[in-house]
Amino acid sequence: MAEGVVELQNGCACCSLADELLTSVERLTEGGRELDAIELSGVADPVAVRDNWDKIG
């Protein structure tokens, strides 16, 4: 896997893996590194992911 890429497995980024997604993003963006994209599966609810994202500000 490429540097700076994190793959979440066995769950959904909008519900069961929401905390893991946010933790991974925080870790990837430490030190001012910019986040380029988050790719979701076709079954993930992007609104739920955005709502979780908004919770951490």
N, C-alpha and C. Protein backbone atom coordinates (compact mmCIF):
# COMPACT_ATOMS: atom_id res chain seq x y z
N MET A 1 0.85 -1.17 0.00
CA MET A 1 0.00 0.00 0.00
C MET A 1 0.90 1.24 0.00
N ALA A 2 0.50 2.26 -0.69
CA ALA A 2 1.28 3.49 -0.81
C ALA A 2 1.35 4.23 0.52
N GLU A 3 2.42 4.97 0.70
CA GLU A 3 2.57 5.78 1.91
C GLU A 3 1.43 6.79 1.98
N GLY A 4 0.86 6.95 3.15
CA GLY A 4 -0.22 7.90 3.33
C GLY A 4 -1.59 7.37 2.93
N VAL A 5 -1.67 6.07 2.66
CA VAL A 5 -2.94 5.44 2.31
C VAL A 5 -3.32 4.50 3.45
N VAL A 6 -4.55 4.60 3.90
CA VAL A 6 -5.06 3.72 4.95
C VAL A 6 -6.30 3.03 4.42
N GLU A 7 -6.37 1.73 4.59
CA GLU A 7 -7.53 0.97 4.17
C GLU A 7 -8.25 0.45 5.41
N LEU A 8 -9.52 0.77 5.52
CA LEU A 8 -10.34 0.27 6.62
C LEU A 8 -11.05 -0.98 6.12
N GLN A 9 -11.04 -2.03 6.92
CA GLN A 9 -11.63 -3.29 6.47
C GLN A 9 -12.67 -3.80 7.47
N ASN A 10 -13.58 -4.59 6.94
CA ASN A 10 -14.58 -5.29 7.75
C ASN A 10 -15.50 -4.36 8.51
N GLY A 11 -16.04 -3.40 7.81
CA GLY A 11 -17.00 -2.50 8.41
C GLY A 11 -17.30 -1.35 7.48
N CYS A 12 -18.06 -0.41 7.99
CA CYS A 12 -18.49 0.73 7.19
C CYS A 12 -17.98 2.03 7.80
N ALA A 13 -17.43 2.90 6.98
CA ALA A 13 -16.88 4.17 7.45
C ALA A 13 -17.96 5.10 7.99
N CYS A 14 -19.21 4.83 7.65
CA CYS A 14 -20.28 5.70 8.13
C CYS A 14 -20.89 5.22 9.44
N CYS A 15 -20.53 4.02 9.89
CA CYS A 15 -21.11 3.55 11.15
C CYS A 15 -20.10 2.77 11.98
N SER A 16 -19.90 1.49 11.71
CA SER A 16 -19.06 0.66 12.58
C SER A 16 -17.59 1.06 12.59
N LEU A 17 -17.10 1.69 11.53
CA LEU A 17 -15.69 2.11 11.49
C LEU A 17 -15.54 3.63 11.54
N ALA A 18 -16.58 4.34 11.95
CA ALA A 18 -16.53 5.81 11.97
C ALA A 18 -15.38 6.32 12.83
N ASP A 19 -15.23 5.76 14.03
CA ASP A 19 -14.15 6.21 14.92
C ASP A 19 -12.78 5.90 14.33
N GLU A 20 -12.64 4.72 13.71
CA GLU A 20 -11.36 4.35 13.10
C GLU A 20 -11.03 5.28 11.93
N LEU A 21 -12.04 5.67 11.15
CA LEU A 21 -11.81 6.60 10.05
C LEU A 21 -11.30 7.94 10.58
N LEU A 22 -11.96 8.47 11.60
CA LEU A 22 -11.55 9.77 12.14
C LEU A 22 -10.16 9.70 12.75
N THR A 23 -9.85 8.62 13.45
CA THR A 23 -8.51 8.44 14.03
C THR A 23 -7.46 8.37 12.93
N SER A 24 -7.76 7.65 11.86
CA SER A 24 -6.82 7.53 10.74
C SER A 24 -6.58 8.88 10.08
N VAL A 25 -7.63 9.66 9.89
CA VAL A 25 -7.49 10.98 9.28
C VAL A 25 -6.65 11.89 10.17
N GLU A 26 -6.92 11.87 11.47
CA GLU A 26 -6.13 12.69 12.40
C GLU A 26 -4.66 12.30 12.33
N ARG A 27 -4.37 11.01 12.30
CA ARG A 27 -2.98 10.54 12.23
C ARG A 27 -2.32 10.96 10.91
N LEU A 28 -3.05 10.84 9.81
CA LEU A 28 -2.49 11.19 8.50
C LEU A 28 -2.23 12.69 8.35
N THR A 29 -3.01 13.51 9.04
CA THR A 29 -2.87 14.96 8.88
C THR A 29 -2.01 15.61 9.96
N GLU A 30 -1.38 14.81 10.80
CA GLU A 30 -0.47 15.36 11.81
C GLU A 30 0.66 16.12 11.12
N GLY A 31 1.10 17.18 11.72
CA GLY A 31 2.22 17.93 11.18
C GLY A 31 1.88 18.77 9.95
N GLY A 32 0.59 19.04 9.75
CA GLY A 32 0.20 19.91 8.65
C GLY A 32 0.02 19.24 7.31
N ARG A 33 0.16 17.93 7.26
CA ARG A 33 -0.04 17.21 6.00
C ARG A 33 -1.49 17.37 5.55
N GLU A 34 -1.69 17.61 4.26
CA GLU A 34 -3.04 17.78 3.73
C GLU A 34 -3.65 16.45 3.33
N LEU A 35 -4.94 16.37 3.49
CA LEU A 35 -5.69 15.19 3.10
C LEU A 35 -6.23 15.42 1.69
N ASP A 36 -5.93 14.53 0.77
CA ASP A 36 -6.36 14.69 -0.62
C ASP A 36 -7.75 14.14 -0.88
N ALA A 37 -8.05 12.98 -0.36
CA ALA A 37 -9.34 12.36 -0.67
C ALA A 37 -9.66 11.25 0.32
N ILE A 38 -10.95 10.99 0.44
CA ILE A 38 -11.44 9.81 1.15
C ILE A 38 -12.34 9.09 0.16
N GLU A 39 -12.02 7.84 -0.12
CA GLU A 39 -12.82 7.06 -1.06
C GLU A 39 -13.70 6.09 -0.27
N LEU A 40 -14.98 6.17 -0.48
CA LEU A 40 -15.93 5.30 0.21
C LEU A 40 -16.42 4.22 -0.74
N SER A 41 -16.89 3.13 -0.16
CA SER A 41 -17.49 2.07 -0.99
C SER A 41 -18.85 2.56 -1.49
N GLY A 42 -19.44 1.81 -2.37
CA GLY A 42 -20.73 2.19 -2.92
C GLY A 42 -21.88 2.09 -1.93
N VAL A 43 -21.67 1.42 -0.80
CA VAL A 43 -22.75 1.27 0.18
C VAL A 43 -22.63 2.25 1.34
N ALA A 44 -21.53 2.95 1.46
CA ALA A 44 -21.34 3.91 2.55
C ALA A 44 -22.26 5.11 2.36
N ASP A 45 -22.71 5.67 3.45
CA ASP A 45 -23.57 6.86 3.42
C ASP A 45 -22.70 8.09 3.60
N PRO A 46 -22.44 8.84 2.53
CA PRO A 46 -21.54 9.99 2.64
C PRO A 46 -22.04 11.08 3.58
N VAL A 47 -23.35 11.19 3.74
CA VAL A 47 -23.90 12.19 4.67
C VAL A 47 -23.53 11.81 6.10
N ALA A 48 -23.62 10.54 6.45
CA ALA A 48 -23.25 10.10 7.79
C ALA A 48 -21.76 10.32 8.04
N VAL A 49 -20.92 10.06 7.04
CA VAL A 49 -19.48 10.30 7.18
C VAL A 49 -19.23 11.78 7.40
N ARG A 50 -19.89 12.64 6.62
CA ARG A 50 -19.73 14.08 6.78
C ARG A 50 -20.19 14.53 8.17
N ASP A 51 -21.31 13.99 8.64
CA ASP A 51 -21.81 14.36 9.97
C ASP A 51 -20.81 13.96 11.05
N ASN A 52 -20.21 12.78 10.94
CA ASN A 52 -19.18 12.36 11.90
C ASN A 52 -17.98 13.29 11.82
N TRP A 53 -17.60 13.67 10.61
CA TRP A 53 -16.47 14.57 10.38
C TRP A 53 -16.71 15.91 11.07
N ASP A 54 -17.95 16.43 10.93
CA ASP A 54 -18.30 17.72 11.52
C ASP A 54 -18.18 17.70 13.04
N LYS A 55 -18.36 16.54 13.66
CA LYS A 55 -18.28 16.43 15.11
C LYS A 55 -16.88 16.73 15.65
N ILE A 56 -15.84 16.47 14.84
CA ILE A 56 -14.48 16.73 15.32
C ILE A 56 -13.99 18.10 14.89
N GLY A 57 -14.78 18.79 14.08
CA GLY A 57 -14.49 20.17 13.72
C GLY A 57 -13.43 20.32 12.73
